[in-house]
Amino acid sequence: QVQLVESGGGLVQPGGSLKLSCAASGSIFSIYAMGWYRQAPGKQRELVAVITSGGRTNYADSVKGRFTISRDNAKNTDANNTVYLQMNSLNTEDTAVYYCNADAQKRYWGKGTLVTVSS
């Protein structure tokens, strides 16, 4: 089992920045990729960014050049692994609940953190 806890959401003005964190615990040695998804009101959940255990990244076209995903791999499997999402130049269309996910034997999800971009 893998547990994921997101943090860092909040209210930000257009053009501002936020950094989300997702702490993974449990069977983290089995994780081969972690990522961020988001779901805006009335819309389907969509991929934002993903990073593999080897460090390869992939981004949705809508966030390329503005968002950066990174991962802090713990050497000790009993420690937490943390994935970050640095979000810059935010606009109102980025308003959504952001979910962290981890792919291992199955897909795990965090409970989400709300990001609101508004003036």
C-alpha atoms as a PDB file:
ATOM      1  CA  GLN A   1       0.000   0.000   0.000  1.00  0.00           C
ATOM      2  CA  VAL A   2       1.020   3.570  -0.703  1.00  0.00           C
ATOM      3  CA  GLN A   3      -0.307   6.639   1.069  1.00  0.00           C
ATOM      4  CA  LEU A   4      -0.201  10.076  -0.539  1.00  0.00           C
ATOM      5  CA  VAL A   5      -0.708  13.409   1.193  1.00  0.00           C
ATOM      6  CA  GLU A   6      -0.833  16.648  -0.802  1.00  0.00           C
ATOM      7  CA  SER A   7      -0.194  20.137   0.503  1.00  0.00           C
ATOM      8  CA  GLY A   8       0.459  23.634  -0.775  1.00  0.00           C
ATOM      9  CA  GLY A   9      -2.807  24.583  -2.397  1.00  0.00           C
ATOM     10  CA  GLY A  10      -4.502  27.897  -1.817  1.00  0.00           C
ATOM     11  CA  LEU A  11      -5.632  31.163  -3.334  1.00  0.00           C
ATOM     12  CA  VAL A  12      -3.302  33.013  -5.668  1.00  0.00           C
ATOM     13  CA  GLN A  13      -3.701  35.952  -8.023  1.00  0.00           C
ATOM     14  CA  PRO A  14      -3.305  35.547 -11.774  1.00  0.00           C
ATOM     15  CA  GLY A  15       0.350  35.594 -12.684  1.00  0.00           C
ATOM     16  CA  GLY A  16       1.351  34.264  -9.299  1.00  0.00           C
ATOM     17  CA  SER A  17       3.060  31.051  -8.229  1.00  0.00           C
ATOM     18  CA  LEU A  18       2.397  28.109  -5.961  1.00  0.00           C
ATOM     19  CA  LYS A  19       4.324  24.987  -5.091  1.00  0.00           C
ATOM     20  CA  LEU A  20       2.476  21.789  -4.353  1.00  0.00           C
ATOM     21  CA  SER A  21       3.976  18.897  -2.436  1.00  0.00           C
ATOM     22  CA  CYS A  22       2.961  15.267  -2.255  1.00  0.00           C
ATOM     23  CA  ALA A  23       4.471  13.037   0.382  1.00  0.00           C
ATOM     24  CA  ALA A  24       4.370   9.320  -0.337  1.00  0.00           C
ATOM     25  CA  SER A  25       4.755   6.708   2.354  1.00  0.00           C
ATOM     26  CA  GLY A  26       4.334   2.984   2.656  1.00  0.00           C
ATOM     27  CA  SER A  27       5.580   0.679  -0.084  1.00  0.00           C
ATOM     28  CA  ILE A  28       7.399   3.463  -1.913  1.00  0.00           C
ATOM     29  CA  PHE A  29       9.993   1.074  -3.333  1.00  0.00           C
ATOM     30  CA  SER A  30       7.271  -0.235  -5.656  1.00  0.00           C
ATOM     31  CA  ILE A  31       6.491   3.176  -7.169  1.00  0.00           C
ATOM     32  CA  TYR A  32       7.713   3.645 -10.725  1.00  0.00           C
ATOM     33  CA  ALA A  33       6.022   6.939 -11.543  1.00  0.00           C
ATOM     34  CA  MET A  34       4.331   9.785  -9.729  1.00  0.00           C
ATOM     35  CA  GLY A  35       2.325  12.619 -11.089  1.00  0.00           C
ATOM     36  CA  TRP A  36      -0.211  15.359 -10.721  1.00  0.00           C
ATOM     37  CA  TYR A  37      -3.701  15.476 -12.135  1.00  0.00           C
ATOM     38  CA  ARG A  38      -6.315  18.161 -11.771  1.00  0.00           C
ATOM     39  CA  GLN A  39     -10.058  18.421 -11.986  1.00  0.00           C
ATOM     40  CA  ALA A  40     -11.824  21.690 -12.549  1.00  0.00           C
ATOM     41  CA  PRO A  41     -15.528  22.136 -11.742  1.00  0.00           C
ATOM     42  CA  GLY A  42     -17.662  20.399 -14.340  1.00  0.00           C
ATOM     43  CA  LYS A  43     -14.666  18.905 -16.127  1.00  0.00           C
ATOM     44  CA  GLN A  44     -12.954  15.554 -16.220  1.00  0.00           C
ATOM     45  CA  ARG A  45      -9.757  14.862 -14.334  1.00  0.00           C
ATOM     46  CA  GLU A  46      -6.754  15.537 -16.563  1.00  0.00           C
ATOM     47  CA  LEU A  47      -3.063  14.862 -16.444  1.00  0.00           C
ATOM     48  CA  VAL A  48      -0.884  17.808 -15.500  1.00  0.00           C
ATOM     49  CA  ALA A  49       2.593  16.308 -15.189  1.00  0.00           C
ATOM     50  CA  VAL A  50       4.288  13.009 -14.473  1.00  0.00           C
ATOM     51  CA  ILE A  51       7.790  11.970 -13.443  1.00  0.00           C
ATOM     52  CA  THR A  52       9.217   8.465 -13.566  1.00  0.00           C
ATOM     53  CA  SER A  53      11.599   6.908 -11.081  1.00  0.00           C
ATOM     54  CA  GLY A  54      14.317   7.525 -13.654  1.00  0.00           C
ATOM     55  CA  GLY A  55      13.527  11.216 -13.746  1.00  0.00           C
ATOM     56  CA  ARG A  56      11.775  11.381 -17.107  1.00  0.00           C
ATOM     57  CA  THR A  57       9.011  13.987 -17.162  1.00  0.00           C
ATOM     58  CA  ASN A  58       5.946  14.658 -19.260  1.00  0.00           C
ATOM     59  CA  TYR A  59       3.606  17.643 -19.186  1.00  0.00           C
ATOM     60  CA  ALA A  60       0.221  18.591 -20.489  1.00  0.00           C
ATOM     61  CA  ASP A  61       0.527  21.105 -23.318  1.00  0.00           C
ATOM     62  CA  SER A  62      -1.433  23.642 -21.298  1.00  0.00           C
ATOM     63  CA  VAL A  63       1.213  23.809 -18.565  1.00  0.00           C
ATOM     64  CA  LYS A  64       4.457  23.366 -20.516  1.00  0.00           C
ATOM     65  CA  GLY A  65       6.901  26.138 -19.730  1.00  0.00           C
ATOM     66  CA  ARG A  66       4.944  27.194 -16.645  1.00  0.00           C
ATOM     67  CA  PHE A  67       4.879  24.123 -14.384  1.00  0.00           C
ATOM     68  CA  THR A  68       7.789  21.983 -13.240  1.00  0.00           C
ATOM     69  CA  ILE A  69       7.508  18.577 -11.625  1.00  0.00           C
ATOM     70  CA  SER A  70      10.336  17.249  -9.502  1.00  0.00           C
ATOM     71  CA  ARG A  71      10.893  14.372  -7.135  1.00  0.00           C
ATOM     72  CA  ASP A  72      12.920  13.893  -4.004  1.00  0.00           C
ATOM     73  CA  ASN A  73      13.825  10.207  -3.924  1.00  0.00           C
ATOM     74  CA  ALA A  74      14.581   8.966  -0.475  1.00  0.00           C
ATOM     75  CA  LYS A  75      17.439   6.497  -0.215  1.00  0.00           C
ATOM     76  CA  ASN A  76      15.811   4.854   2.758  1.00  0.00           C
ATOM     77  CA  THR A  77      12.676   2.972   1.795  1.00  0.00           C
ATOM     78  CA  ASP A  78      11.230   3.676   5.227  1.00  0.00           C
ATOM     79  CA  ALA A  79      11.387   7.404   4.585  1.00  0.00           C
ATOM     80  CA  ASN A  80       9.003   9.465   2.555  1.00  0.00           C
ATOM     81  CA  ASN A  81       9.297  10.197  -1.127  1.00  0.00           C
ATOM     82  CA  THR A  82       8.045  13.592  -2.087  1.00  0.00           C
ATOM     83  CA  VAL A  83       6.997  14.934  -5.467  1.00  0.00           C
ATOM     84  CA  TYR A  84       6.626  18.644  -6.108  1.00  0.00           C
ATOM     85  CA  LEU A  85       4.786  20.743  -8.639  1.00  0.00           C
ATOM     86  CA  GLN A  86       6.099  24.257  -9.054  1.00  0.00           C
ATOM     87  CA  MET A  87       3.428  26.319 -10.767  1.00  0.00           C
ATOM     88  CA  ASN A  88       4.296  29.709 -12.226  1.00  0.00           C
ATOM     89  CA  SER A  89       2.366  32.234 -14.298  1.00  0.00           C
ATOM     90  CA  LEU A  90      -0.904  30.867 -13.020  1.00  0.00           C
ATOM     91  CA  ASN A  91      -4.123  31.850 -14.722  1.00  0.00           C
ATOM     92  CA  THR A  92      -7.774  31.358 -13.911  1.00  0.00           C
ATOM     93  CA  GLU A  93      -7.939  28.234 -16.059  1.00  0.00           C
ATOM     94  CA  ASP A  94      -5.535  26.554 -13.639  1.00  0.00           C
ATOM     95  CA  THR A  95      -8.178  26.662 -10.907  1.00  0.00           C
ATOM     96  CA  ALA A  96      -8.891  23.075  -9.919  1.00  0.00           C
ATOM     97  CA  VAL A  97      -8.434  20.407  -7.312  1.00  0.00           C
ATOM     98  CA  TYR A  98      -4.971  18.969  -7.823  1.00  0.00           C
ATOM     99  CA  TYR A  99      -4.451  15.287  -7.112  1.00  0.00           C
ATOM    100  CA  CYS A 100      -1.209  13.473  -6.596  1.00  0.00           C
ATOM    101  CA  ASN A 101      -0.947   9.945  -7.921  1.00  0.00           C
ATOM    102  CA  ALA A 102       1.553   7.125  -7.707  1.00  0.00           C
ATOM    103  CA  ASP A 103       1.791   4.158 -10.045  1.00  0.00           C
ATOM    104  CA  ALA A 104       2.970   0.922  -8.453  1.00  0.00           C
ATOM    105  CA  GLN A 105       1.207  -2.442  -8.592  1.00  0.00           C
ATOM    106  CA  LYS A 106      -1.861  -0.280  -8.888  1.00  0.00           C
ATOM    107  CA  ARG A 107      -2.621   3.414  -9.069  1.00  0.00           C
ATOM    108  CA  TYR A 108      -2.892   5.332  -5.835  1.00  0.00           C
ATOM    109  CA  TRP A 109      -4.447   8.762  -5.317  1.00  0.00           C
ATOM    110  CA  GLY A 110      -4.212  11.480  -2.736  1.00  0.00           C
ATOM    111  CA  LYS A 111      -7.279  13.327  -1.494  1.00  0.00           C
ATOM    112  CA  GLY A 112      -6.446  16.459  -3.455  1.00  0.00           C
ATOM    113  CA  THR A 113      -5.617  20.070  -2.718  1.00  0.00           C
ATOM    114  CA  LEU A 114      -7.555  23.040  -4.041  1.00  0.00           C
ATOM    115  CA  VAL A 115      -5.825  25.684  -6.130  1.00  0.00           C
ATOM    116  CA  THR A 116      -7.828  28.819  -6.817  1.00  0.00           C
ATOM    117  CA  VAL A 117      -6.492  31.466  -9.172  1.00  0.00           C
ATOM    118  CA  SER A 118      -8.486  34.630  -8.815  1.00  0.00           C
ATOM    119  CA  SER A 119      -8.065  38.365  -8.440  1.00  0.00           C
END
